């Protein structure tokens, strides 16, 4: 979230795996993650990773 607000970038060659770690963290971050009192039941309230897990069949 800070990267989107401050315009931060992951520079090539800065830290090995930085882009992968940032992408993974963003994938698992819920919208409005600071709101911990609201129930999370609709797909638009969940992270992309949670939506994929809910639609994937074993």
PDB file of N, CA and C in Angstrom:
ATOM      1  N   UNK A   1       0.823  -1.175   0.000  1.00  0.00           N
ATOM      2  CA  UNK A   1       0.000   0.000   0.000  1.00  0.00           C
ATOM      3  C   UNK A   1       0.875   1.248   0.000  1.00  0.00           C
ATOM      4  N   UNK A   2       1.955   1.250   0.749  1.00  0.00           N
ATOM      5  CA  UNK A   2       2.817   2.425   0.773  1.00  0.00           C
ATOM      6  C   UNK A   2       3.412   2.692  -0.597  1.00  0.00           C
ATOM      7  N   UNK A   3       3.707   1.640  -1.332  1.00  0.00           N
ATOM      8  CA  UNK A   3       4.275   1.829  -2.667  1.00  0.00           C
ATOM      9  C   UNK A   3       3.291   2.531  -3.584  1.00  0.00           C
ATOM     10  N   UNK A   4       2.022   2.204  -3.477  1.00  0.00           N
ATOM     11  CA  UNK A   4       1.044   2.848  -4.343  1.00  0.00           C
ATOM     12  C   UNK A   4       0.799   4.301  -3.932  1.00  0.00           C
ATOM     13  N   UNK A   5       0.963   4.615  -2.664  1.00  0.00           N
ATOM     14  CA  UNK A   5       0.746   5.977  -2.201  1.00  0.00           C
ATOM     15  C   UNK A   5       1.955   6.875  -2.432  1.00  0.00           C
ATOM     16  N   UNK A   6       3.132   6.342  -2.238  1.00  0.00           N
ATOM     17  CA  UNK A   6       4.348   7.143  -2.299  1.00  0.00           C
ATOM     18  C   UNK A   6       5.080   7.018  -3.628  1.00  0.00           C
ATOM     19  N   UNK A   7       4.614   6.176  -4.525  1.00  0.00           N
ATOM     20  CA  UNK A   7       5.278   6.006  -5.805  1.00  0.00           C
ATOM     21  C   UNK A   7       6.574   5.221  -5.717  1.00  0.00           C
ATOM     22  N   UNK A   8       6.735   4.414  -4.689  1.00  0.00           N
ATOM     23  CA  UNK A   8       7.953   3.617  -4.543  1.00  0.00           C
ATOM     24  C   UNK A   8       8.035   2.568  -5.633  1.00  0.00           C
ATOM     25  N   UNK A   9       9.251   2.208  -5.972  1.00  0.00           N
ATOM     26  CA  UNK A   9       9.469   1.201  -7.014  1.00  0.00           C
ATOM     27  C   UNK A   9      10.479   0.172  -6.533  1.00  0.00           C
ATOM     28  N   UNK A  10      10.404  -1.010  -7.108  1.00  0.00           N
ATOM     29  CA  UNK A  10      11.414  -2.028  -6.876  1.00  0.00           C
ATOM     30  C   UNK A  10      12.393  -1.922  -8.032  1.00  0.00           C
ATOM     31  N   UNK A  11      13.588  -1.494  -7.726  1.00  0.00           N
ATOM     32  CA  UNK A  11      14.598  -1.293  -8.758  1.00  0.00           C
ATOM     33  C   UNK A  11      15.239  -2.618  -9.130  1.00  0.00           C
ATOM     34  N   UNK A  12      15.463  -2.840 -10.419  1.00  0.00           N
ATOM     35  CA  UNK A  12      16.142  -4.073 -10.851  1.00  0.00           C
ATOM     36  C   UNK A  12      17.508  -4.198 -10.185  1.00  0.00           C
ATOM     37  N   UNK A  13      17.775  -5.385  -9.670  1.00  0.00           N
ATOM     38  CA  UNK A  13      19.068  -5.661  -9.059  1.00  0.00           C
ATOM     39  C   UNK A  13      19.223  -5.172  -7.637  1.00  0.00           C
ATOM     40  N   UNK A  14      18.177  -4.617  -7.036  1.00  0.00           N
ATOM     41  CA  UNK A  14      18.317  -4.082  -5.679  1.00  0.00           C
ATOM     42  C   UNK A  14      18.455  -5.200  -4.650  1.00  0.00           C
ATOM     43  N   UNK A  15      17.481  -6.054  -4.562  1.00  0.00           N
ATOM     44  CA  UNK A  15      17.499  -7.186  -3.640  1.00  0.00           C
ATOM     45  C   UNK A  15      16.940  -8.384  -4.386  1.00  0.00           C
ATOM     46  N   UNK A  16      17.626  -9.492  -4.290  1.00  0.00           N
ATOM     47  CA  UNK A  16      17.172 -10.698  -4.985  1.00  0.00           C
ATOM     48  C   UNK A  16      15.809 -11.117  -4.449  1.00  0.00           C
ATOM     49  N   UNK A  17      14.833 -11.284  -5.338  1.00  0.00           N
ATOM     50  CA  UNK A  17      13.505 -11.737  -4.962  1.00  0.00           C
ATOM     51  C   UNK A  17      12.573 -10.642  -4.453  1.00  0.00           C
ATOM     52  N   UNK A  18      12.990  -9.394  -4.498  1.00  0.00           N
ATOM     53  CA  UNK A  18      12.153  -8.309  -3.961  1.00  0.00           C
ATOM     54  C   UNK A  18      10.840  -8.188  -4.719  1.00  0.00           C
ATOM     55  N   UNK A  19      10.877  -8.278  -6.027  1.00  0.00           N
ATOM     56  CA  UNK A  19       9.656  -8.147  -6.821  1.00  0.00           C
ATOM     57  C   UNK A  19       8.695  -9.299  -6.531  1.00  0.00           C
ATOM     58  N   UNK A  20       9.228 -10.491  -6.392  1.00  0.00           N
ATOM     59  CA  UNK A  20       8.388 -11.655  -6.097  1.00  0.00           C
ATOM     60  C   UNK A  20       7.743 -11.510  -4.727  1.00  0.00           C
ATOM     61  N   UNK A  21       8.503 -11.067  -3.746  1.00  0.00           N
ATOM     62  CA  UNK A  21       7.949 -10.883  -2.403  1.00  0.00           C
ATOM     63  C   UNK A  21       6.892  -9.787  -2.384  1.00  0.00           C
ATOM     64  N   UNK A  22       7.118  -8.712  -3.110  1.00  0.00           N
ATOM     65  CA  UNK A  22       6.132  -7.625  -3.153  1.00  0.00           C
ATOM     66  C   UNK A  22       4.848  -8.086  -3.836  1.00  0.00           C
ATOM     67  N   UNK A  23       4.976  -8.834  -4.934  1.00  0.00           N
ATOM     68  CA  UNK A  23       3.804  -9.335  -5.639  1.00  0.00           C
ATOM     69  C   UNK A  23       3.015 -10.312  -4.773  1.00  0.00           C
ATOM     70  N   UNK A  24       3.709 -11.187  -4.074  1.00  0.00           N
ATOM     71  CA  UNK A  24       3.038 -12.151  -3.192  1.00  0.00           C
ATOM     72  C   UNK A  24       2.314 -11.442  -2.055  1.00  0.00           C
ATOM     73  N   UNK A  25       2.941 -10.447  -1.467  1.00  0.00           N
ATOM     74  CA  UNK A  25       2.305  -9.695  -0.380  1.00  0.00           C
ATOM     75  C   UNK A  25       1.071  -8.951  -0.881  1.00  0.00           C
ATOM     76  N   UNK A  26       1.167  -8.340  -2.041  1.00  0.00           N
ATOM     77  CA  UNK A  26       0.026  -7.611  -2.599  1.00  0.00           C
ATOM     78  C   UNK A  26      -1.120  -8.545  -2.943  1.00  0.00           C
ATOM     79  N   UNK A  27      -0.802  -9.756  -3.383  1.00  0.00           N
ATOM     80  CA  UNK A  27      -1.823 -10.742  -3.743  1.00  0.00           C
ATOM     81  C   UNK A  27      -2.633 -11.170  -2.518  1.00  0.00           C
ATOM     82  N   UNK A  28      -1.995 -11.208  -1.367  1.00  0.00           N
ATOM     83  CA  UNK A  28      -2.656 -11.678  -0.151  1.00  0.00           C
ATOM     84  C   UNK A  28      -3.265 -10.569   0.684  1.00  0.00           C
ATOM     85  N   UNK A  29      -3.047  -9.322   0.297  1.00  0.00           N
ATOM     86  CA  UNK A  29      -3.539  -8.185   1.067  1.00  0.00           C
ATOM     87  C   UNK A  29      -5.022  -7.933   0.771  1.00  0.00           C
ATOM     88  N   UNK A  30      -5.821  -7.881   1.816  1.00  0.00           N
ATOM     89  CA  UNK A  30      -7.252  -7.616   1.643  1.00  0.00           C
ATOM     90  C   UNK A  30      -7.492  -6.133   1.408  1.00  0.00           C
ATOM     91  N   UNK A  31      -8.540  -5.811   0.646  1.00  0.00           N
ATOM     92  CA  UNK A  31      -8.899  -4.402   0.520  1.00  0.00           C
ATOM     93  C   UNK A  31      -9.283  -3.847   1.896  1.00  0.00           C
ATOM     94  N   UNK A  32      -8.851  -2.646   2.182  1.00  0.00           N
ATOM     95  CA  UNK A  32      -9.130  -2.002   3.467  1.00  0.00           C
ATOM     96  C   UNK A  32      -8.742  -2.918   4.628  1.00  0.00           C
ATOM     97  N   UNK A  33      -7.519  -3.407   4.586  1.00  0.00           N
ATOM     98  CA  UNK A  33      -7.063  -4.393   5.572  1.00  0.00           C
ATOM     99  C   UNK A  33      -7.051  -3.847   7.001  1.00  0.00           C
ATOM    100  N   UNK A  34      -7.051  -2.530   7.172  1.00  0.00           N
ATOM    101  CA  UNK A  34      -7.056  -1.955   8.515  1.00  0.00           C
ATOM    102  C   UNK A  34      -8.424  -2.049   9.173  1.00  0.00           C
ATOM    103  N   UNK A  35      -9.482  -2.326   8.393  1.00  0.00           N
ATOM    104  CA  UNK A  35     -10.825  -2.467   8.951  1.00  0.00           C
ATOM    105  C   UNK A  35     -11.007  -3.913   9.398  1.00  0.00           C
ATOM    106  N   UNK A  36     -10.790  -4.151  10.668  1.00  0.00           N
ATOM    107  CA  UNK A  36     -10.857  -5.519  11.189  1.00  0.00           C
ATOM    108  C   UNK A  36     -12.201  -5.851  11.820  1.00  0.00           C
ATOM    109  N   UNK A  37     -13.129  -4.899  11.855  1.00  0.00           N
ATOM    110  CA  UNK A  37     -14.413  -5.146  12.520  1.00  0.00           C
ATOM    111  C   UNK A  37     -15.510  -5.587  11.561  1.00  0.00           C
ATOM    112  N   UNK A  38     -15.305  -5.417  10.274  1.00  0.00           N
ATOM    113  CA  UNK A  38     -16.336  -5.774   9.294  1.00  0.00           C
ATOM    114  C   UNK A  38     -16.202  -7.231   8.882  1.00  0.00           C
ATOM    115  N   UNK A  39     -17.330  -7.907   8.677  1.00  0.00           N
ATOM    116  CA  UNK A  39     -17.247  -9.289   8.191  1.00  0.00           C
ATOM    117  C   UNK A  39     -16.754  -9.315   6.749  1.00  0.00           C
ATOM    118  N   UNK A  40     -16.047 -10.342   6.386  1.00  0.00           N
ATOM    119  CA  UNK A  40     -15.509 -10.492   5.026  1.00  0.00           C
ATOM    120  C   UNK A  40     -16.211 -11.674   4.368  1.00  0.00           C
ATOM    121  N   UNK A  41     -17.275 -11.389   3.636  1.00  0.00           N
ATOM    122  CA  UNK A  41     -18.043 -12.474   3.032  1.00  0.00           C
ATOM    123  C   UNK A  41     -18.130 -12.372   1.516  1.00  0.00           C
ATOM    124  N   UNK A  42     -18.104 -11.158   0.959  1.00  0.00           N
ATOM    125  CA  UNK A  42     -18.231 -10.985  -0.488  1.00  0.00           C
ATOM    126  C   UNK A  42     -16.855 -11.073  -1.145  1.00  0.00           C
ATOM    127  N   UNK A  43     -16.808 -11.510  -2.403  1.00  0.00           N
ATOM    128  CA  UNK A  43     -15.523 -11.619  -3.095  1.00  0.00           C
ATOM    129  C   UNK A  43     -14.745 -10.308  -3.171  1.00  0.00           C
ATOM    130  N   UNK A  44     -15.437  -9.185  -3.280  1.00  0.00           N
ATOM    131  CA  UNK A  44     -14.725  -7.914  -3.371  1.00  0.00           C
ATOM    132  C   UNK A  44     -14.137  -7.477  -2.026  1.00  0.00           C
ATOM    133  N   UNK A  45     -14.420  -8.226  -0.958  1.00  0.00           N
ATOM    134  CA  UNK A  45     -13.878  -7.920   0.363  1.00  0.00           C
ATOM    135  C   UNK A  45     -12.699  -8.826   0.708  1.00  0.00           C
ATOM    136  N   UNK A  46     -12.366  -9.735  -0.182  1.00  0.00           N
ATOM    137  CA  UNK A  46     -11.296 -10.696   0.065  1.00  0.00           C
ATOM    138  C   UNK A  46     -10.099 -10.400  -0.829  1.00  0.00           C
ATOM    139  N   UNK A  47      -8.965 -10.990  -0.501  1.00  0.00           N
ATOM    140  CA  UNK A  47      -7.774 -10.825  -1.328  1.00  0.00           C
ATOM    141  C   UNK A  47      -7.908 -11.686  -2.579  1.00  0.00           C
ATOM    142  N   UNK A  48      -7.052 -11.434  -3.552  1.00  0.00           N
ATOM    143  CA  UNK A  48      -7.068 -12.247  -4.766  1.00  0.00           C
ATOM    144  C   UNK A  48      -6.751 -13.702  -4.437  1.00  0.00           C
ATOM    145  N   UNK A  49      -5.829 -13.921  -3.518  1.00  0.00           N
ATOM    146  CA  UNK A  49      -5.464 -15.283  -3.129  1.00  0.00           C
ATOM    147  C   UNK A  49      -6.650 -16.007  -2.480  1.00  0.00           C
ATOM    148  N   UNK A  50      -7.406 -15.315  -1.637  1.00  0.00           N
ATOM    149  CA  UNK A  50      -8.573 -15.936  -1.002  1.00  0.00           C
ATOM    150  C   UNK A  50      -9.651 -16.244  -2.024  1.00  0.00           C
ATOM    151  N   UNK A  51      -9.836 -15.375  -3.003  1.00  0.00           N
ATOM    152  CA  UNK A  51     -10.825 -15.635  -4.056  1.00  0.00           C
ATOM    153  C   UNK A  51     -10.419 -16.839  -4.902  1.00  0.00           C
ATOM    154  N   UNK A  52      -9.141 -16.949  -5.223  1.00  0.00           N
ATOM    155  CA  UNK A  52      -8.680 -18.117  -5.991  1.00  0.00           C
ATOM    156  C   UNK A  52      -8.878 -19.398  -5.212  1.00  0.00           C
ATOM    157  N   UNK A  53      -8.562 -19.379  -3.917  1.00  0.00           N
ATOM    158  CA  UNK A  53      -8.719 -20.561  -3.067  1.00  0.00           C
ATOM    159  C   UNK A  53     -10.192 -20.974  -2.953  1.00  0.00           C
ATOM    160  N   UNK A  54     -11.082 -20.000  -2.929  1.00  0.00           N
ATOM    161  CA  UNK A  54     -12.516 -20.300  -2.809  1.00  0.00           C
ATOM    162  C   UNK A  54     -13.087 -20.896  -4.085  1.00  0.00           C
ATOM    163  N   UNK A  55     -12.503 -20.560  -5.229  1.00  0.00           N
ATOM    164  CA  UNK A  55     -13.040 -21.064  -6.501  1.00  0.00           C
ATOM    165  C   UNK A  55     -12.320 -22.292  -7.005  1.00  0.00           C
ATOM    166  N   UNK A  56     -11.200 -22.638  -6.410  1.00  0.00           N
ATOM    167  CA  UNK A  56     -10.439 -23.811  -6.844  1.00  0.00           C
ATOM    168  C   UNK A  56     -11.039 -25.052  -6.201  1.00  0.00           C
ATOM    169  N   UNK A  57     -11.292 -26.057  -7.014  1.00  0.00           N
ATOM    170  CA  UNK A  57     -11.826 -27.314  -6.490  1.00  0.00           C
ATOM    171  C   UNK A  57     -10.691 -28.302  -6.342  1.00  0.00           C
ATOM    172  N   UNK A  58     -10.741 -29.132  -5.304  1.00  0.00           N
ATOM    173  CA  UNK A  58      -9.645 -30.102  -5.071  1.00  0.00           C
ATOM    174  C   UNK A  58      -9.603 -31.193  -6.096  1.00  0.00           C
TER     175      UNK A  58
END
